[in-house]
Amino acid sequence: MRPEKVFAIKFSSVYPLYVKKVESKGRSKEELDRVIHWLTGYSEEGLRHQI
């Protein structure tokens, strides 16, 4: 995949896939959100806005 394509993907289309993946690994959506907050610096409201 070219780097340009990665930047064109909307986070809202990838987030449900992340949720499905972490839940299949025995983790919770809340844990995923904590990691996303840590990596991106988004607040709870900011994350909801992106989704």
C-alpha atoms as a PDB file:
ATOM      1  CA  MET A   1       0.000   0.000   0.000  1.00  0.00           C
ATOM      2  CA  ARG A   2       1.374   3.391  -0.940  1.00  0.00           C
ATOM      3  CA  PRO A   3       1.756   5.839   1.966  1.00  0.00           C
ATOM      4  CA  GLU A   4      -0.688   8.241   0.320  1.00  0.00           C
ATOM      5  CA  LYS A   5      -3.447   5.632   0.581  1.00  0.00           C
ATOM      6  CA  VAL A   6      -2.845   5.158   4.300  1.00  0.00           C
ATOM      7  CA  PHE A   7      -3.328   8.861   4.951  1.00  0.00           C
ATOM      8  CA  ALA A   8      -6.534   8.866   2.895  1.00  0.00           C
ATOM      9  CA  ILE A   9      -8.230   6.261   5.126  1.00  0.00           C
ATOM     10  CA  LYS A  10     -10.690   7.783   7.573  1.00  0.00           C
ATOM     11  CA  PHE A  11     -10.225   6.799  11.193  1.00  0.00           C
ATOM     12  CA  SER A  12     -13.976   6.246  11.512  1.00  0.00           C
ATOM     13  CA  SER A  13     -13.766   3.404   8.988  1.00  0.00           C
ATOM     14  CA  VAL A  14     -10.860   1.693  10.776  1.00  0.00           C
ATOM     15  CA  TYR A  15     -12.037   2.082  14.386  1.00  0.00           C
ATOM     16  CA  PRO A  16     -14.729  -0.665  14.246  1.00  0.00           C
ATOM     17  CA  LEU A  17     -12.109  -3.049  12.866  1.00  0.00           C
ATOM     18  CA  TYR A  18      -9.804  -2.243  15.791  1.00  0.00           C
ATOM     19  CA  VAL A  19     -12.672  -2.844  18.237  1.00  0.00           C
ATOM     20  CA  LYS A  20     -13.443  -6.214  16.664  1.00  0.00           C
ATOM     21  CA  LYS A  21      -9.763  -7.192  16.754  1.00  0.00           C
ATOM     22  CA  VAL A  22      -9.149  -6.253  20.395  1.00  0.00           C
ATOM     23  CA  GLU A  23     -12.363  -7.939  21.536  1.00  0.00           C
ATOM     24  CA  SER A  24     -11.356 -11.128  19.713  1.00  0.00           C
ATOM     25  CA  LYS A  25      -8.088 -10.976  21.687  1.00  0.00           C
ATOM     26  CA  GLY A  26      -9.966 -10.752  24.987  1.00  0.00           C
ATOM     27  CA  ARG A  27      -9.514  -7.012  25.505  1.00  0.00           C
ATOM     28  CA  SER A  28     -12.158  -4.329  25.902  1.00  0.00           C
ATOM     29  CA  LYS A  29     -13.139  -1.303  23.849  1.00  0.00           C
ATOM     30  CA  GLU A  30     -12.231   0.866  26.844  1.00  0.00           C
ATOM     31  CA  GLU A  31      -8.675  -0.499  26.786  1.00  0.00           C
ATOM     32  CA  LEU A  32      -8.454   0.285  23.081  1.00  0.00           C
ATOM     33  CA  ASP A  33      -9.683   3.819  23.717  1.00  0.00           C
ATOM     34  CA  ARG A  34      -7.043   4.299  26.429  1.00  0.00           C
ATOM     35  CA  VAL A  35      -4.296   3.253  24.014  1.00  0.00           C
ATOM     36  CA  ILE A  36      -5.651   5.549  21.296  1.00  0.00           C
ATOM     37  CA  HIS A  37      -5.790   8.447  23.782  1.00  0.00           C
ATOM     38  CA  TRP A  38      -2.187   7.755  24.761  1.00  0.00           C
ATOM     39  CA  LEU A  39      -0.927   7.462  21.171  1.00  0.00           C
ATOM     40  CA  THR A  40      -2.814  10.386  19.667  1.00  0.00           C
ATOM     41  CA  GLY A  41      -3.384  12.755  22.559  1.00  0.00           C
ATOM     42  CA  TYR A  42      -7.094  12.923  21.745  1.00  0.00           C
ATOM     43  CA  SER A  43      -9.484  13.619  24.584  1.00  0.00           C
ATOM     44  CA  GLU A  44     -12.610  11.495  24.977  1.00  0.00           C
ATOM     45  CA  GLU A  45     -14.587  14.143  23.103  1.00  0.00           C
ATOM     46  CA  GLY A  46     -11.938  14.420  20.392  1.00  0.00           C
ATOM     47  CA  LEU A  47     -11.950  10.678  19.834  1.00  0.00           C
ATOM     48  CA  ARG A  48     -15.753  10.585  19.582  1.00  0.00           C
ATOM     49  CA  HIS A  49     -15.587  13.424  17.052  1.00  0.00           C
ATOM     50  CA  GLN A  50     -13.162  11.410  14.889  1.00  0.00           C
ATOM     51  CA  ILE A  51     -15.349   8.325  15.034  1.00  0.00           C
END
